[in-house]
Amino acid sequence: MRAVKEKGFAERLGPGLITGAADDDPSGIATYSQAGAQFRFSLVWTLFLTLPLMIGIQMLSARIGWVTEQGLATNIGKLCPRWLTVALVALLVVANTINIAADIAAMADAVRLLAGGIEPLYAIGFGALCIATQLYFSYESTVRILKWLTLALFAYVAVILAVNVPWHRAIVESFQPWHFFPAGVSMTEYASIVVAVLGTTISPYLFFWQASQEVEDSRRKADSSELRQHPRYVAEHLSRIKQDTWFGMTFSNVIALCIVIATAVTLNEHGVTNIQTSAQAAEALRPVAGEFAFFIFAMGIVGTGLLAVPVLAGSAAYAVSELFGWKSGLSQGFHEARGFYLIIVAATGIGTGLSILDVDPIKALVWSAVVNGVISVPIMIVLMLIGQSEALMGKYTISRRHRFFGWAATIVMTVAVTVMLGTTFWPA
């Protein structure tokens, strides 16, 4: 008990911080860049809306993992028929693999912009690096590396400091977006980008990753089961989960805000309103914001990609392993959890292969968003039911306030997914 209480703030951060940082992956950077380039400051409000919703649903995921000592796929299987659980996990793997492809392509493109060379070779190199770090590094080393990689997101704070931001104007437009709606833009386009921001910030792979990391951390403590009998220990850990998640999600949204503002100031003000990839956003910054901003933005893409790809592959591996009852976890060696690591290798390898094919990155991201949208709502509904279930959570069911924010996030995502599917398959 005493050792837990003496941990410093940085040591208390872990799954929540890494999860929040992984949310700002290259595909997310592309979405935020498009929001700023096309709509200037008129979409800033969405980031304030998503913050409490992200905190609510991610805190629930982490709580379920720690309290039950089982991942989300296992818990979902206890409430849902087998066929539905299998379908949700299969769709998660598909969406994650597509997202890996888009992120690796973005990293390779960013390095090509910085150093020249052959983009497919960079893609293969990044794919191999992401696989190697998870296969050959220990759990502690992997977590430590991922924590250090979160610092890459400060690149976007540096971009903000490198450009001249009209803060008064940004605040006014943020709180009164209806007065500054871009000319010639339809409500359908506006709704689509709002949905894209929501879908980028609230993604199923983040639920699975954070829950599984809480399970891993718990299993690594030999006396965890005994200590769970002590109310002070439980209160301390639930407080740690809350603090970690609040910090991680706030950090994620602050960085997203920096990206939107940076691209609004630099790109929108110079007539650049159509951004399709994060690398394109970096390239567009060069003539209007200077070499420093371009370099920092591009390096941020590489850093966030190296952080996000292991999280995407890992969350898929955790879900599949739980579905089939395999041993899983980064704290296990390859020979002890062969199936788990083979899923990581397969997801990253296939994603890398897709990234070097002539695949439209925007179409890949659209389909990834569609698949994520299809599975996010039923998963969030089941998570809420698990969180309220005394049979699964015992006396640690979620509070009334937590239920409010969790169901609010579920309702908002339901509306967002409905709009997304409507605008994707039946555009105006």
Protein backbone atom coordinates (compact mmCIF):
# COMPACT_ATOMS: atom_id res chain seq x y z
CA MET A 1 0.00 0.00 0.00
CA ARG A 2 2.73 2.42 1.01
CA ALA A 3 4.71 1.75 -2.21
CA VAL A 4 1.66 2.48 -4.33
CA LYS A 5 1.00 5.79 -2.60
CA GLU A 6 4.60 6.93 -3.02
CA LYS A 7 4.50 6.66 -6.80
CA GLY A 8 5.12 9.91 -8.58
CA PHE A 9 2.65 11.43 -11.03
CA ALA A 10 4.56 10.24 -14.11
CA GLU A 11 4.70 6.67 -12.78
CA ARG A 12 0.93 6.67 -12.23
CA LEU A 13 0.39 7.41 -15.91
CA GLY A 14 0.28 4.44 -18.24
CA PRO A 15 -2.62 2.90 -20.18
CA GLY A 16 -4.63 6.13 -20.22
CA LEU A 17 -1.73 8.28 -21.40
CA ILE A 18 -0.69 5.83 -24.14
CA THR A 19 -4.29 5.33 -25.26
CA GLY A 20 -4.93 9.07 -25.47
CA ALA A 21 -1.73 9.69 -27.41
CA ALA A 22 -2.43 6.80 -29.80
CA ASP A 23 -5.75 8.47 -30.62
CA ASP A 24 -3.81 11.25 -32.41
CA ASP A 25 -2.41 8.88 -35.03
CA PRO A 26 -1.57 10.00 -38.60
CA SER A 27 -5.10 9.28 -39.81
CA GLY A 28 -6.45 11.40 -36.95
CA ILE A 29 -3.97 14.15 -37.81
CA ALA A 30 -5.34 14.13 -41.37
CA THR A 31 -8.90 14.55 -40.06
CA TYR A 32 -7.97 17.41 -37.74
CA SER A 33 -5.93 19.06 -40.49
CA GLN A 34 -8.89 18.94 -42.87
CA ALA A 35 -11.14 20.38 -40.15
CA GLY A 36 -8.82 23.35 -39.68
CA ALA A 37 -8.04 23.86 -43.37
CA GLN A 38 -11.65 23.75 -44.57
CA PHE A 39 -13.58 25.24 -41.64
CA ARG A 40 -10.94 27.34 -39.88
CA PHE A 41 -12.03 27.58 -36.20
CA SER A 42 -15.66 26.55 -36.72
CA LEU A 43 -15.08 22.96 -35.58
CA VAL A 44 -13.12 23.63 -32.41
CA TRP A 45 -16.30 23.08 -30.37
CA THR A 46 -16.33 19.39 -31.35
CA LEU A 47 -13.14 18.79 -29.37
CA PHE A 48 -14.72 20.24 -26.23
CA LEU A 49 -17.76 18.03 -26.82
CA THR A 50 -15.74 14.84 -27.27
CA LEU A 51 -13.48 15.31 -24.23
CA PRO A 52 -15.96 14.32 -21.46
CA LEU A 53 -17.38 11.59 -23.70
CA MET A 54 -13.89 10.14 -24.33
CA ILE A 55 -13.07 10.28 -20.63
CA GLY A 56 -16.32 8.56 -19.71
CA ILE A 57 -16.07 5.63 -22.12
CA GLN A 58 -12.30 5.09 -21.72
CA MET A 59 -12.56 5.20 -17.93
CA LEU A 60 -15.30 2.59 -18.17
CA SER A 61 -13.11 0.36 -20.38
CA ALA A 62 -10.19 0.64 -17.96
CA ARG A 63 -12.42 0.00 -14.94
CA ILE A 64 -13.91 -3.14 -16.51
CA GLY A 65 -10.43 -4.48 -17.27
CA TRP A 66 -9.08 -3.82 -13.77
CA VAL A 67 -12.12 -4.96 -11.78
CA THR A 68 -12.84 -8.15 -13.75
CA GLU A 69 -9.17 -8.90 -14.58
CA GLN A 70 -10.39 -9.84 -18.06
CA GLY A 71 -10.33 -8.01 -21.40
CA LEU A 72 -13.34 -6.58 -23.19
CA ALA A 73 -13.78 -9.47 -25.63
CA THR A 74 -14.13 -11.90 -22.72
CA ASN A 75 -16.61 -9.66 -20.94
CA ILE A 76 -18.60 -8.98 -24.10
CA GLY A 77 -18.81 -12.75 -24.65
CA LYS A 78 -20.51 -13.11 -21.27
CA LEU A 79 -23.40 -10.87 -22.29
CA CYS A 80 -23.64 -11.41 -26.06
CA PRO A 81 -24.25 -14.51 -28.19
CA ARG A 82 -21.10 -16.08 -29.59
CA TRP A 83 -21.85 -15.10 -33.18
CA LEU A 84 -22.18 -11.42 -32.26
CA THR A 85 -18.95 -11.40 -30.27
CA VAL A 86 -17.10 -13.08 -33.14
CA ALA A 87 -18.55 -10.59 -35.64
CA LEU A 88 -17.54 -7.57 -33.53
CA VAL A 89 -13.99 -8.86 -33.02
CA ALA A 90 -13.64 -9.71 -36.73
CA LEU A 91 -14.74 -6.21 -37.73
CA LEU A 92 -12.35 -4.70 -35.16
CA VAL A 93 -9.44 -6.61 -36.72
CA VAL A 94 -10.43 -5.48 -40.23
CA ALA A 95 -10.76 -1.83 -39.19
CA ASN A 96 -7.47 -1.90 -37.28
CA THR A 97 -5.60 -3.47 -40.21
CA ILE A 98 -6.91 -0.82 -42.62
CA ASN A 99 -5.96 1.87 -40.12
CA ILE A 100 -2.46 0.41 -39.78
CA ALA A 101 -2.10 0.59 -43.57
CA ALA A 102 -3.11 4.26 -43.61
CA ASP A 103 -0.78 5.12 -40.71
CA ILE A 104 2.26 3.33 -42.16
CA ALA A 105 1.64 4.96 -45.55
CA ALA A 106 1.49 8.36 -43.83
CA MET A 107 4.76 7.75 -41.97
CA ALA A 108 6.52 6.63 -45.15
CA ASP A 109 5.20 9.65 -47.03
CA ALA A 110 6.38 11.99 -44.26
CA VAL A 111 9.92 10.58 -44.36
CA ARG A 112 9.94 10.84 -48.15
CA LEU A 113 9.08 14.53 -47.84
CA LEU A 114 11.88 15.04 -45.33
CA ALA A 115 14.65 12.94 -46.87
CA GLY A 116 13.56 11.85 -50.33
CA GLY A 117 13.97 8.23 -51.33
CA ILE A 118 11.60 5.39 -52.12
CA GLU A 119 8.38 5.45 -50.13
CA PRO A 120 7.59 1.67 -50.21
CA LEU A 121 10.99 0.92 -48.63
CA TYR A 122 10.20 3.28 -45.77
CA ALA A 123 6.81 1.60 -45.34
CA ILE A 124 8.41 -1.87 -45.12
CA GLY A 125 10.98 -0.54 -42.66
CA PHE A 126 8.34 0.97 -40.39
CA GLY A 127 6.25 -2.20 -40.51
CA ALA A 128 9.25 -4.33 -39.59
CA LEU A 129 10.23 -1.94 -36.78
CA CYS A 130 6.74 -2.03 -35.26
CA ILE A 131 6.71 -5.84 -35.34
CA ALA A 132 10.23 -6.14 -33.91
CA THR A 133 9.58 -3.86 -30.94
CA GLN A 134 6.63 -5.98 -29.82
CA LEU A 135 8.32 -9.32 -30.47
CA TYR A 136 11.73 -8.68 -28.97
CA PHE A 137 11.26 -6.05 -26.25
CA SER A 138 9.98 -6.87 -22.78
CA TYR A 139 6.62 -5.57 -21.59
CA GLU A 140 8.32 -2.93 -19.44
CA SER A 141 10.49 -1.79 -22.35
CA THR A 142 7.51 -1.64 -24.72
CA VAL A 143 5.47 0.47 -22.30
CA ARG A 144 8.48 2.71 -21.65
CA ILE A 145 9.02 3.22 -25.39
CA LEU A 146 5.35 4.00 -25.95
CA LYS A 147 5.41 6.51 -23.09
CA TRP A 148 8.44 8.27 -24.60
CA LEU A 149 6.77 8.33 -28.01
CA THR A 150 3.89 10.35 -26.55
CA LEU A 151 6.37 13.25 -26.47
CA ALA A 152 6.18 13.32 -30.29
CA LEU A 153 2.79 14.98 -29.93
CA PHE A 154 4.42 18.08 -28.50
CA ALA A 155 5.53 18.72 -32.08
CA TYR A 156 2.09 20.21 -32.69
CA VAL A 157 2.43 22.49 -29.69
CA ALA A 158 5.71 23.67 -31.26
CA VAL A 159 3.90 24.37 -34.55
CA ILE A 160 1.40 26.57 -32.67
CA LEU A 161 4.28 28.48 -31.10
CA ALA A 162 5.91 28.92 -34.51
CA VAL A 163 2.91 30.61 -36.15
CA ASN A 164 0.98 33.75 -35.34
CA VAL A 165 -2.43 32.74 -33.94
CA PRO A 166 -5.19 35.40 -33.76
CA TRP A 167 -6.46 34.10 -30.43
CA HIS A 168 -9.38 36.51 -30.04
CA ARG A 169 -10.71 35.62 -33.46
CA ALA A 170 -10.18 31.91 -32.80
CA ILE A 171 -12.18 32.07 -29.57
CA VAL A 172 -15.05 34.03 -31.13
CA GLU A 173 -15.36 31.71 -34.13
CA SER A 174 -15.08 28.65 -31.89
CA PHE A 175 -18.04 29.67 -29.74
CA GLN A 176 -20.15 31.10 -32.58
CA PRO A 177 -19.42 28.79 -35.54
CA TRP A 178 -22.80 29.46 -37.18
CA HIS A 179 -21.74 33.07 -37.86
CA PHE A 180 -18.56 32.00 -39.67
CA PHE A 181 -19.76 29.14 -41.84
CA PRO A 182 -17.55 28.88 -44.97
CA ALA A 183 -19.18 30.05 -48.20
CA GLY A 184 -20.06 27.34 -50.69
CA VAL A 185 -19.96 24.52 -48.12
CA SER A 186 -23.09 22.41 -47.66
CA MET A 187 -24.47 21.22 -44.34
CA THR A 188 -23.76 17.67 -45.52
CA GLU A 189 -20.04 18.45 -45.78
CA TYR A 190 -20.08 20.11 -42.39
CA ALA A 191 -21.93 17.16 -40.81
CA SER A 192 -19.49 14.73 -42.42
CA ILE A 193 -16.42 16.38 -40.91
CA VAL A 194 -18.14 16.62 -37.51
CA VAL A 195 -18.79 12.88 -37.67
CA ALA A 196 -15.20 12.28 -38.80
CA VAL A 197 -13.86 14.14 -35.74
CA LEU A 198 -16.16 12.17 -33.42
CA GLY A 199 -15.20 8.88 -35.05
CA THR A 200 -11.51 9.73 -34.86
CA THR A 201 -11.59 10.55 -31.15
CA ILE A 202 -13.88 7.71 -29.98
CA SER A 203 -12.62 4.47 -31.56
CA PRO A 204 -13.20 0.83 -30.48
CA TYR A 205 -9.52 -0.15 -30.64
CA LEU A 206 -8.84 2.33 -27.84
CA PHE A 207 -11.45 0.61 -25.63
CA PHE A 208 -9.83 -2.80 -26.07
CA TRP A 209 -6.27 -1.56 -25.63
CA GLN A 210 -6.80 0.34 -22.37
CA ALA A 211 -8.84 -2.47 -20.78
CA SER A 212 -6.23 -5.08 -21.76
CA GLN A 213 -3.37 -2.97 -20.41
CA GLU A 214 -5.13 -2.71 -17.06
CA VAL A 215 -5.43 -6.51 -17.06
CA GLU A 216 -1.73 -6.86 -17.89
CA ASP A 217 -0.67 -4.47 -15.14
CA SER A 218 -2.85 -6.28 -12.62
CA ARG A 219 -1.62 -9.77 -13.54
CA ARG A 220 2.01 -8.70 -13.21
CA LYS A 221 1.50 -8.00 -9.49
CA ALA A 222 1.82 -11.31 -7.66
CA ASP A 223 -0.15 -10.09 -4.62
CA SER A 224 -2.86 -8.31 -6.63
CA SER A 225 -5.70 -10.70 -5.69
CA GLU A 226 -4.89 -10.45 -1.99
CA LEU A 227 -4.57 -6.67 -2.06
CA ARG A 228 -7.95 -6.35 -3.78
CA GLN A 229 -9.55 -7.35 -0.48
CA HIS A 230 -8.40 -4.04 1.01
CA PRO A 231 -10.75 -1.10 0.30
CA ARG A 232 -7.88 1.42 0.46
CA TYR A 233 -5.96 -0.46 -2.22
CA VAL A 234 -9.01 -0.62 -4.48
CA ALA A 235 -9.80 3.07 -3.94
CA GLU A 236 -6.21 3.99 -4.73
CA HIS A 237 -6.22 2.05 -8.01
CA LEU A 238 -9.59 3.31 -9.16
CA SER A 239 -8.31 6.82 -8.40
CA ARG A 240 -5.17 6.06 -10.43
CA ILE A 241 -7.30 4.89 -13.38
CA LYS A 242 -9.35 8.09 -13.18
CA GLN A 243 -6.27 10.32 -13.03
CA ASP A 244 -4.50 8.44 -15.83
CA THR A 245 -7.55 8.55 -18.12
CA TRP A 246 -8.34 12.20 -17.46
CA PHE A 247 -4.76 13.19 -18.22
CA GLY A 248 -4.45 10.97 -21.31
CA MET A 249 -7.71 12.07 -22.93
CA THR A 250 -7.14 15.76 -22.11
CA PHE A 251 -3.63 15.52 -23.57
CA SER A 252 -5.08 13.90 -26.70
CA ASN A 253 -7.67 16.62 -27.22
CA VAL A 254 -5.26 19.49 -26.52
CA ILE A 255 -2.99 18.15 -29.26
CA ALA A 256 -5.95 17.77 -31.63
CA LEU A 257 -6.86 21.39 -30.83
CA CYS A 258 -3.32 22.49 -31.68
CA ILE A 259 -3.51 20.71 -35.05
CA VAL A 260 -6.86 22.29 -35.94
CA ILE A 261 -5.69 25.78 -34.95
CA ALA A 262 -2.30 25.42 -36.68
CA THR A 263 -3.84 24.33 -39.98
CA ALA A 264 -6.60 26.94 -39.69
CA VAL A 265 -4.05 29.73 -39.32
CA THR A 266 -1.59 28.53 -41.93
CA LEU A 267 -3.59 26.67 -44.58
CA ASN A 268 -7.09 28.14 -44.52
CA GLU A 269 -5.75 31.69 -44.44
CA HIS A 270 -3.75 30.94 -47.61
CA GLY A 271 -6.56 29.31 -49.55
CA VAL A 272 -5.57 25.67 -48.90
CA THR A 273 -8.87 24.04 -47.95
CA ASN A 274 -8.59 20.44 -49.13
CA ILE A 275 -6.29 18.17 -47.13
CA GLN A 276 -6.47 14.43 -47.74
CA THR A 277 -3.51 13.06 -45.79
CA SER A 278 -1.39 14.13 -42.83
CA ALA A 279 1.70 14.23 -45.07
CA GLN A 280 -0.12 16.55 -47.46
CA ALA A 281 -0.87 18.84 -44.52
CA ALA A 282 2.82 18.89 -43.62
CA GLU A 283 3.80 19.66 -47.22
CA ALA A 284 1.24 22.44 -47.46
CA LEU A 285 2.67 24.02 -44.30
CA ARG A 286 6.14 24.47 -45.79
CA PRO A 287 5.53 27.51 -48.03
CA VAL A 288 3.22 29.32 -45.59
CA ALA A 289 4.67 28.51 -42.16
CA GLY A 290 8.32 27.86 -42.95
CA GLU A 291 10.73 24.94 -42.87
CA PHE A 292 10.69 24.60 -39.09
CA ALA A 293 6.92 24.13 -38.86
CA PHE A 294 7.02 21.72 -41.81
CA PHE A 295 9.82 19.64 -40.24
CA ILE A 296 8.17 19.48 -36.82
CA PHE A 297 4.77 18.58 -38.28
CA ALA A 298 6.28 15.81 -40.42
CA MET A 299 8.34 14.37 -37.56
CA GLY A 300 5.21 14.34 -35.41
CA ILE A 301 3.53 12.12 -38.00
CA VAL A 302 6.36 9.59 -37.72
CA GLY A 303 6.34 9.63 -33.92
CA THR A 304 2.59 9.27 -33.57
CA GLY A 305 2.53 6.50 -36.17
CA LEU A 306 5.17 4.51 -34.29
CA LEU A 307 3.00 4.87 -31.19
CA ALA A 308 -0.35 4.09 -32.83
CA VAL A 309 0.53 1.04 -34.96
CA PRO A 310 1.51 -1.18 -31.97
CA VAL A 311 -1.68 -0.11 -30.18
CA LEU A 312 -3.81 -0.96 -33.23
CA ALA A 313 -2.14 -4.34 -33.74
CA GLY A 314 -2.05 -5.07 -30.01
CA SER A 315 -5.73 -4.31 -29.42
CA ALA A 316 -6.65 -6.67 -32.28
CA ALA A 317 -4.41 -9.39 -30.83
CA TYR A 318 -5.88 -9.04 -27.34
CA ALA A 319 -9.44 -9.30 -28.70
CA VAL A 320 -8.78 -12.36 -30.89
CA SER A 321 -6.81 -14.13 -28.15
CA GLU A 322 -9.60 -13.60 -25.61
CA LEU A 323 -12.16 -14.81 -28.14
CA PHE A 324 -10.38 -18.15 -28.59
CA GLY A 325 -9.03 -18.50 -25.06
CA TRP A 326 -5.38 -18.13 -26.06
CA LYS A 327 -2.66 -16.90 -23.75
CA SER A 328 -2.11 -13.22 -24.42
CA GLY A 329 -0.12 -10.23 -23.32
CA LEU A 330 3.04 -8.32 -24.08
CA SER A 331 4.41 -9.61 -20.77
CA GLN A 332 4.33 -13.14 -22.25
CA GLY A 333 7.09 -14.39 -24.51
CA PHE A 334 6.46 -15.42 -28.10
CA HIS A 335 6.53 -19.14 -27.29
CA GLU A 336 4.07 -18.71 -24.39
CA ALA A 337 1.58 -16.60 -26.41
CA ARG A 338 2.26 -17.60 -29.99
CA GLY A 339 -1.27 -16.95 -31.28
CA PHE A 340 -1.30 -13.48 -29.72
CA TYR A 341 1.96 -12.46 -31.39
CA LEU A 342 1.01 -14.01 -34.72
CA ILE A 343 -2.06 -11.75 -34.80
CA ILE A 344 0.21 -8.74 -34.19
CA VAL A 345 2.54 -9.87 -37.00
CA ALA A 346 -0.37 -10.57 -39.37
CA ALA A 347 -2.21 -7.28 -38.73
CA THR A 348 0.98 -5.22 -39.06
CA GLY A 349 2.27 -7.23 -42.03
CA ILE A 350 -0.99 -7.06 -43.98
CA GLY A 351 -1.33 -3.37 -43.12
CA THR A 352 2.20 -2.76 -44.39
CA GLY A 353 1.43 -4.67 -47.58
CA LEU A 354 -1.71 -2.62 -48.19
CA SER A 355 0.22 0.60 -47.58
CA ILE A 356 2.64 -0.07 -50.46
CA LEU A 357 -0.12 -1.01 -52.90
CA ASP A 358 -1.83 1.63 -55.02
CA VAL A 359 -4.63 2.06 -52.47
CA ASP A 360 -6.32 5.43 -52.07
CA PRO A 361 -5.50 6.42 -48.45
CA ILE A 362 -8.69 8.46 -48.15
CA LYS A 363 -10.86 5.54 -49.25
CA ALA A 364 -9.00 3.32 -46.80
CA LEU A 365 -9.69 5.74 -43.97
CA VAL A 366 -13.34 6.11 -44.99
CA TRP A 367 -13.86 2.36 -44.90
CA SER A 368 -11.98 2.09 -41.63
CA ALA A 369 -14.26 4.78 -40.19
CA VAL A 370 -17.35 2.97 -41.51
CA VAL A 371 -16.31 -0.34 -39.94
CA ASN A 372 -15.38 1.37 -36.67
CA GLY A 373 -18.73 3.13 -36.72
CA VAL A 374 -20.63 -0.10 -37.27
CA ILE A 375 -19.01 -1.76 -34.25
CA SER A 376 -18.56 1.22 -31.91
CA VAL A 377 -22.23 1.63 -30.98
CA PRO A 378 -23.00 -2.01 -30.06
CA ILE A 379 -19.68 -2.26 -28.19
CA MET A 380 -20.42 0.92 -26.23
CA ILE A 381 -23.91 -0.33 -25.36
CA VAL A 382 -22.49 -3.64 -24.09
CA LEU A 383 -19.76 -1.80 -22.13
CA MET A 384 -22.42 0.26 -20.37
CA LEU A 385 -24.38 -2.88 -19.51
CA ILE A 386 -21.21 -4.54 -18.17
CA GLY A 387 -20.38 -1.45 -16.12
CA GLN A 388 -23.83 -1.55 -14.52
CA SER A 389 -23.82 -5.33 -13.96
CA GLU A 390 -23.34 -6.40 -10.34
CA ALA A 391 -22.81 -9.97 -11.56
CA LEU A 392 -19.68 -8.90 -13.47
CA MET A 393 -18.50 -5.81 -11.56
CA GLY A 394 -19.57 -6.74 -8.03
CA LYS A 395 -19.73 -3.70 -5.78
CA TYR A 396 -17.63 -1.68 -8.23
CA THR A 397 -20.38 -0.87 -10.72
CA ILE A 398 -20.16 2.59 -12.26
CA SER A 399 -21.64 5.63 -10.53
CA ARG A 400 -24.73 7.53 -11.65
CA ARG A 401 -22.57 10.36 -13.04
CA HIS A 402 -20.42 7.88 -14.93
CA ARG A 403 -23.55 6.28 -16.36
CA PHE A 404 -24.73 9.68 -17.57
CA PHE A 405 -21.52 10.42 -19.49
CA GLY A 406 -21.24 6.86 -20.77
CA TRP A 407 -24.77 6.79 -22.17
CA ALA A 408 -24.31 10.34 -23.50
CA ALA A 409 -21.24 9.17 -25.42
CA THR A 410 -23.20 6.20 -26.74
CA ILE A 411 -26.09 8.37 -27.91
CA VAL A 412 -23.77 10.90 -29.57
CA MET A 413 -21.92 8.11 -31.37
CA THR A 414 -25.20 6.53 -32.47
CA VAL A 415 -26.28 9.81 -34.08
CA ALA A 416 -22.81 10.32 -35.58
CA VAL A 417 -22.68 6.82 -37.06
CA THR A 418 -26.19 7.21 -38.52
CA VAL A 419 -25.15 10.46 -40.21
CA MET A 420 -21.84 8.93 -41.37
CA LEU A 421 -23.53 5.94 -42.96
CA GLY A 422 -26.13 8.19 -44.57
CA THR A 423 -23.57 10.56 -46.10
CA THR A 424 -21.28 7.68 -47.17
CA PHE A 425 -23.81 5.48 -48.94
CA TRP A 426 -26.51 8.04 -49.83
CA PRO A 427 -24.66 11.32 -50.42
CA ALA A 428 -26.73 14.39 -51.22
